[in-house]
Amino acid sequence: MPTAALVVKKDGGIVCYHFSNRNDVEDYLYYNTRFERASRSRYHFGSLYRGEDGYIYIKLNL
């Protein structure tokens, strides 16, 4: 298991980080990170909308 430490502020900003082996941490995050799917009806993700510039956009949650 890789050793990593993150210090994160309440607003989500990262203050500092330390990895004992960066490649191990990158591999760990790559193989263990998952996407979650929020409610489409509650948050209207996947909906098309027209922007102020006239272009059509799709609202995604990534």
PDB file of N, CA and C in Angstrom:
ATOM      1  N   MET A   1       0.853  -1.179   0.000  1.00  0.00           N
ATOM      2  CA  MET A   1       0.000   0.000   0.000  1.00  0.00           C
ATOM      3  C   MET A   1       0.900   1.243   0.000  1.00  0.00           C
ATOM      4  N   PRO A   2       0.662   2.182  -0.901  1.00  0.00           N
ATOM      5  CA  PRO A   2       1.467   3.398  -0.944  1.00  0.00           C
ATOM      6  C   PRO A   2       1.185   4.287   0.253  1.00  0.00           C
ATOM      7  N   THR A   3       2.163   5.067   0.620  1.00  0.00           N
ATOM      8  CA  THR A   3       2.006   6.009   1.712  1.00  0.00           C
ATOM      9  C   THR A   3       1.788   7.397   1.122  1.00  0.00           C
ATOM     10  N   ALA A   4       0.710   8.044   1.531  1.00  0.00           N
ATOM     11  CA  ALA A   4       0.402   9.377   1.028  1.00  0.00           C
ATOM     12  C   ALA A   4      -0.241  10.182   2.140  1.00  0.00           C
ATOM     13  N   ALA A   5       0.002  11.477   2.114  1.00  0.00           N
ATOM     14  CA  ALA A   5      -0.634  12.378   3.068  1.00  0.00           C
ATOM     15  C   ALA A   5      -1.088  13.615   2.313  1.00  0.00           C
ATOM     16  N   LEU A   6      -2.331  13.992   2.505  1.00  0.00           N
ATOM     17  CA  LEU A   6      -2.884  15.207   1.919  1.00  0.00           C
ATOM     18  C   LEU A   6      -3.421  16.084   3.039  1.00  0.00           C
ATOM     19  N   VAL A   7      -3.170  17.372   2.950  1.00  0.00           N
ATOM     20  CA  VAL A   7      -3.765  18.333   3.870  1.00  0.00           C
ATOM     21  C   VAL A   7      -4.701  19.184   3.024  1.00  0.00           C
ATOM     22  N   VAL A   8      -6.010  19.098   3.340  1.00  0.00           N
ATOM     23  CA  VAL A   8      -7.028  19.749   2.530  1.00  0.00           C
ATOM     24  C   VAL A   8      -7.789  20.757   3.378  1.00  0.00           C
ATOM     25  N   LYS A   9      -7.999  21.963   2.829  1.00  0.00           N
ATOM     26  CA  LYS A   9      -8.772  22.989   3.517  1.00  0.00           C
ATOM     27  C   LYS A   9     -10.260  22.685   3.402  1.00  0.00           C
ATOM     28  N   LYS A  10     -11.090  23.358   4.201  1.00  0.00           N
ATOM     29  CA  LYS A  10     -12.537  23.146   4.176  1.00  0.00           C
ATOM     30  C   LYS A  10     -13.140  23.423   2.811  1.00  0.00           C
ATOM     31  N   ASP A  11     -12.551  24.366   2.049  1.00  0.00           N
ATOM     32  CA  ASP A  11     -13.087  24.680   0.721  1.00  0.00           C
ATOM     33  C   ASP A  11     -12.629  23.702  -0.356  1.00  0.00           C
ATOM     34  N   GLY A  12     -11.848  22.676   0.024  1.00  0.00           N
ATOM     35  CA  GLY A  12     -11.401  21.662  -0.917  1.00  0.00           C
ATOM     36  C   GLY A  12     -10.029  21.911  -1.502  1.00  0.00           C
ATOM     37  N   GLY A  13      -9.430  23.050  -1.205  1.00  0.00           N
ATOM     38  CA  GLY A  13      -8.094  23.342  -1.718  1.00  0.00           C
ATOM     39  C   GLY A  13      -7.040  22.489  -1.017  1.00  0.00           C
ATOM     40  N   ILE A  14      -6.073  22.031  -1.784  1.00  0.00           N
ATOM     41  CA  ILE A  14      -4.998  21.221  -1.218  1.00  0.00           C
ATOM     42  C   ILE A  14      -3.896  22.145  -0.722  1.00  0.00           C
ATOM     43  N   VAL A  15      -3.547  22.017   0.561  1.00  0.00           N
ATOM     44  CA  VAL A  15      -2.517  22.837   1.166  1.00  0.00           C
ATOM     45  C   VAL A  15      -1.144  22.244   0.853  1.00  0.00           C
ATOM     46  N   CYS A  16      -1.001  20.952   1.078  1.00  0.00           N
ATOM     47  CA  CYS A  16       0.257  20.287   0.774  1.00  0.00           C
ATOM     48  C   CYS A  16       0.023  18.788   0.651  1.00  0.00           C
ATOM     49  N   TYR A  17       0.991  18.099   0.075  1.00  0.00           N
ATOM     50  CA  TYR A  17       0.895  16.658  -0.055  1.00  0.00           C
ATOM     51  C   TYR A  17       2.278  16.048   0.015  1.00  0.00           C
ATOM     52  N   HIS A  18       2.316  14.782   0.386  1.00  0.00           N
ATOM     53  CA  HIS A  18       3.575  14.054   0.450  1.00  0.00           C
ATOM     54  C   HIS A  18       3.312  12.617   0.040  1.00  0.00           C
ATOM     55  N   PHE A  19       4.090  12.128  -0.895  1.00  0.00           N
ATOM     56  CA  PHE A  19       3.991  10.745  -1.340  1.00  0.00           C
ATOM     57  C   PHE A  19       5.346  10.090  -1.153  1.00  0.00           C
ATOM     58  N   SER A  20       5.354   8.905  -0.554  1.00  0.00           N
ATOM     59  CA  SER A  20       6.622   8.199  -0.391  1.00  0.00           C
ATOM     60  C   SER A  20       7.095   7.638  -1.724  1.00  0.00           C
ATOM     61  N   ASN A  21       6.171   7.242  -2.580  1.00  0.00           N
ATOM     62  CA  ASN A  21       6.526   6.759  -3.908  1.00  0.00           C
ATOM     63  C   ASN A  21       5.416   7.192  -4.861  1.00  0.00           C
ATOM     64  N   ARG A  22       5.678   8.233  -5.609  1.00  0.00           N
ATOM     65  CA  ARG A  22       4.656   8.843  -6.463  1.00  0.00           C
ATOM     66  C   ARG A  22       4.043   7.834  -7.443  1.00  0.00           C
ATOM     67  N   ASN A  23       4.820   6.986  -8.048  1.00  0.00           N
ATOM     68  CA  ASN A  23       4.283   6.020  -9.016  1.00  0.00           C
ATOM     69  C   ASN A  23       3.309   5.055  -8.360  1.00  0.00           C
ATOM     70  N   ASP A  24       3.615   4.601  -7.151  1.00  0.00           N
ATOM     71  CA  ASP A  24       2.701   3.703  -6.441  1.00  0.00           C
ATOM     72  C   ASP A  24       1.378   4.395  -6.138  1.00  0.00           C
ATOM     73  N   VAL A  25       1.445   5.656  -5.730  1.00  0.00           N
ATOM     74  CA  VAL A  25       0.233   6.404  -5.410  1.00  0.00           C
ATOM     75  C   VAL A  25      -0.594   6.631  -6.674  1.00  0.00           C
ATOM     76  N   GLU A  26       0.058   6.999  -7.772  1.00  0.00           N
ATOM     77  CA  GLU A  26      -0.655   7.187  -9.028  1.00  0.00           C
ATOM     78  C   GLU A  26      -1.347   5.891  -9.458  1.00  0.00           C
ATOM     79  N   ASP A  27      -0.651   4.766  -9.375  1.00  0.00           N
ATOM     80  CA  ASP A  27      -1.243   3.480  -9.734  1.00  0.00           C
ATOM     81  C   ASP A  27      -2.426   3.146  -8.829  1.00  0.00           C
ATOM     82  N   TYR A  28      -2.253   3.384  -7.532  1.00  0.00           N
ATOM     83  CA  TYR A  28      -3.328   3.106  -6.578  1.00  0.00           C
ATOM     84  C   TYR A  28      -4.578   3.922  -6.926  1.00  0.00           C
ATOM     85  N   LEU A  29      -4.400   5.225  -7.168  1.00  0.00           N
ATOM     86  CA  LEU A  29      -5.544   6.075  -7.492  1.00  0.00           C
ATOM     87  C   LEU A  29      -6.173   5.668  -8.815  1.00  0.00           C
ATOM     88  N   TYR A  30      -5.365   5.312  -9.802  1.00  0.00           N
ATOM     89  CA  TYR A  30      -5.895   4.914 -11.106  1.00  0.00           C
ATOM     90  C   TYR A  30      -6.766   3.662 -10.990  1.00  0.00           C
ATOM     91  N   TYR A  31      -6.301   2.693 -10.254  1.00  0.00           N
ATOM     92  CA  TYR A  31      -7.021   1.425 -10.165  1.00  0.00           C
ATOM     93  C   TYR A  31      -8.129   1.405  -9.115  1.00  0.00           C
ATOM     94  N   ASN A  32      -8.183   2.394  -8.234  1.00  0.00           N
ATOM     95  CA  ASN A  32      -9.166   2.379  -7.155  1.00  0.00           C
ATOM     96  C   ASN A  32     -10.124   3.565  -7.146  1.00  0.00           C
ATOM     97  N   THR A  33     -10.057   4.439  -8.132  1.00  0.00           N
ATOM     98  CA  THR A  33     -10.964   5.570  -8.213  1.00  0.00           C
ATOM     99  C   THR A  33     -12.191   5.162  -9.010  1.00  0.00           C
ATOM    100  N   ARG A  34     -13.348   5.501  -8.507  1.00  0.00           N
ATOM    101  CA  ARG A  34     -14.611   5.150  -9.154  1.00  0.00           C
ATOM    102  C   ARG A  34     -15.465   6.401  -9.333  1.00  0.00           C
ATOM    103  N   PHE A  35     -16.250   6.408 -10.375  1.00  0.00           N
ATOM    104  CA  PHE A  35     -17.207   7.488 -10.583  1.00  0.00           C
ATOM    105  C   PHE A  35     -18.503   7.127  -9.874  1.00  0.00           C
ATOM    106  N   GLU A  36     -19.146   8.124  -9.301  1.00  0.00           N
ATOM    107  CA  GLU A  36     -20.468   7.946  -8.727  1.00  0.00           C
ATOM    108  C   GLU A  36     -21.464   8.651  -9.628  1.00  0.00           C
ATOM    109  N   ARG A  37     -22.664   8.145  -9.637  1.00  0.00           N
ATOM    110  CA  ARG A  37     -23.684   8.742 -10.475  1.00  0.00           C
ATOM    111  C   ARG A  37     -24.726   9.408  -9.593  1.00  0.00           C
ATOM    112  N   ALA A  38     -24.890  10.692  -9.771  1.00  0.00           N
ATOM    113  CA  ALA A  38     -25.891  11.440  -9.008  1.00  0.00           C
ATOM    114  C   ALA A  38     -27.252  11.299  -9.680  1.00  0.00           C
ATOM    115  N   SER A  39     -28.269  11.673  -8.973  1.00  0.00           N
ATOM    116  CA  SER A  39     -29.633  11.605  -9.491  1.00  0.00           C
ATOM    117  C   SER A  39     -29.804  12.585 -10.657  1.00  0.00           C
ATOM    118  N   ARG A  40     -30.202  12.048 -11.807  1.00  0.00           N
ATOM    119  CA  ARG A  40     -30.427  12.915 -12.979  1.00  0.00           C
ATOM    120  C   ARG A  40     -31.630  13.818 -12.762  1.00  0.00           C
ATOM    121  N   SER A  41     -32.675  13.303 -12.130  1.00  0.00           N
ATOM    122  CA  SER A  41     -33.885  14.105 -11.951  1.00  0.00           C
ATOM    123  C   SER A  41     -33.680  15.220 -10.923  1.00  0.00           C
ATOM    124  N   ARG A  42     -32.904  14.946  -9.908  1.00  0.00           N
ATOM    125  CA  ARG A  42     -32.700  15.956  -8.860  1.00  0.00           C
ATOM    126  C   ARG A  42     -31.758  17.065  -9.314  1.00  0.00           C
ATOM    127  N   TYR A  43     -30.680  16.706 -10.006  1.00  0.00           N
ATOM    128  CA  TYR A  43     -29.659  17.690 -10.369  1.00  0.00           C
ATOM    129  C   TYR A  43     -29.654  18.033 -11.852  1.00  0.00           C
ATOM    130  N   HIS A  44     -30.516  17.382 -12.636  1.00  0.00           N
ATOM    131  CA  HIS A  44     -30.676  17.654 -14.068  1.00  0.00           C
ATOM    132  C   HIS A  44     -29.409  17.393 -14.880  1.00  0.00           C
ATOM    133  N   PHE A  45     -28.579  16.438 -14.436  1.00  0.00           N
ATOM    134  CA  PHE A  45     -27.397  16.077 -15.204  1.00  0.00           C
ATOM    135  C   PHE A  45     -27.817  15.348 -16.463  1.00  0.00           C
ATOM    136  N   GLY A  46     -27.078  15.555 -17.517  1.00  0.00           N
ATOM    137  CA  GLY A  46     -27.393  14.937 -18.795  1.00  0.00           C
ATOM    138  C   GLY A  46     -28.409  15.737 -19.597  1.00  0.00           C
ATOM    139  N   SER A  47     -28.842  16.855 -19.066  1.00  0.00           N
ATOM    140  CA  SER A  47     -29.824  17.692 -19.754  1.00  0.00           C
ATOM    141  C   SER A  47     -29.137  18.624 -20.739  1.00  0.00           C
ATOM    142  N   LEU A  48     -29.794  18.870 -21.850  1.00  0.00           N
ATOM    143  CA  LEU A  48     -29.309  19.847 -22.820  1.00  0.00           C
ATOM    144  C   LEU A  48     -29.859  21.215 -22.458  1.00  0.00           C
ATOM    145  N   TYR A  49     -29.045  22.236 -22.669  1.00  0.00           N
ATOM    146  CA  TYR A  49     -29.519  23.597 -22.456  1.00  0.00           C
ATOM    147  C   TYR A  49     -28.796  24.537 -23.411  1.00  0.00           C
ATOM    148  N   ARG A  50     -29.425  25.643 -23.707  1.00  0.00           N
ATOM    149  CA  ARG A  50     -28.839  26.637 -24.604  1.00  0.00           C
ATOM    150  C   ARG A  50     -28.170  27.722 -23.756  1.00  0.00           C
ATOM    151  N   GLY A  51     -26.893  27.944 -24.022  1.00  0.00           N
ATOM    152  CA  GLY A  51     -26.145  28.960 -23.297  1.00  0.00           C
ATOM    153  C   GLY A  51     -26.469  30.357 -23.796  1.00  0.00           C
ATOM    154  N   GLU A  52     -25.976  31.357 -23.087  1.00  0.00           N
ATOM    155  CA  GLU A  52     -26.211  32.748 -23.471  1.00  0.00           C
ATOM    156  C   GLU A  52     -25.612  33.067 -24.835  1.00  0.00           C
ATOM    157  N   ASP A  53     -24.599  32.289 -25.229  1.00  0.00           N
ATOM    158  CA  ASP A  53     -23.952  32.504 -26.524  1.00  0.00           C
ATOM    159  C   ASP A  53     -24.685  31.828 -27.675  1.00  0.00           C
ATOM    160  N   GLY A  54     -25.803  31.136 -27.382  1.00  0.00           N
ATOM    161  CA  GLY A  54     -26.597  30.487 -28.409  1.00  0.00           C
ATOM    162  C   GLY A  54     -26.212  29.045 -28.680  1.00  0.00           C
ATOM    163  N   TYR A  55     -25.082  28.589 -28.174  1.00  0.00           N
ATOM    164  CA  TYR A  55     -24.658  27.205 -28.354  1.00  0.00           C
ATOM    165  C   TYR A  55     -25.443  26.287 -27.419  1.00  0.00           C
ATOM    166  N   ILE A  56     -25.560  25.021 -27.824  1.00  0.00           N
ATOM    167  CA  ILE A  56     -26.244  24.034 -26.994  1.00  0.00           C
ATOM    168  C   ILE A  56     -25.188  23.262 -26.207  1.00  0.00           C
ATOM    169  N   TYR A  57     -25.423  23.083 -24.898  1.00  0.00           N
ATOM    170  CA  TYR A  57     -24.499  22.411 -24.001  1.00  0.00           C
ATOM    171  C   TYR A  57     -25.199  21.251 -23.326  1.00  0.00           C
ATOM    172  N   ILE A  58     -24.426  20.337 -22.781  1.00  0.00           N
ATOM    173  CA  ILE A  58     -24.966  19.257 -21.979  1.00  0.00           C
ATOM    174  C   ILE A  58     -24.356  19.370 -20.573  1.00  0.00           C
ATOM    175  N   LYS A  59     -25.188  19.294 -19.559  1.00  0.00           N
ATOM    176  CA  LYS A  59     -24.726  19.423 -18.187  1.00  0.00           C
ATOM    177  C   LYS A  59     -24.238  18.061 -17.702  1.00  0.00           C
ATOM    178  N   LEU A  60     -22.938  17.966 -17.412  1.00  0.00           N
ATOM    179  CA  LEU A  60     -22.341  16.719 -16.949  1.00  0.00           C
ATOM    180  C   LEU A  60     -21.860  16.851 -15.513  1.00  0.00           C
ATOM    181  N   ASN A  61     -21.830  15.757 -14.810  1.00  0.00           N
ATOM    182  CA  ASN A  61     -21.306  15.727 -13.443  1.00  0.00           C
ATOM    183  C   ASN A  61     -20.073  14.836 -13.462  1.00  0.00           C
ATOM    184  N   LEU A  62     -18.920  15.444 -13.464  1.00  0.00           N
ATOM    185  CA  LEU A  62     -17.671  14.678 -13.484  1.00  0.00           C
ATOM    186  C   LEU A  62     -16.854  14.961 -12.245  1.00  0.00           C
TER     187      LEU A  62
END
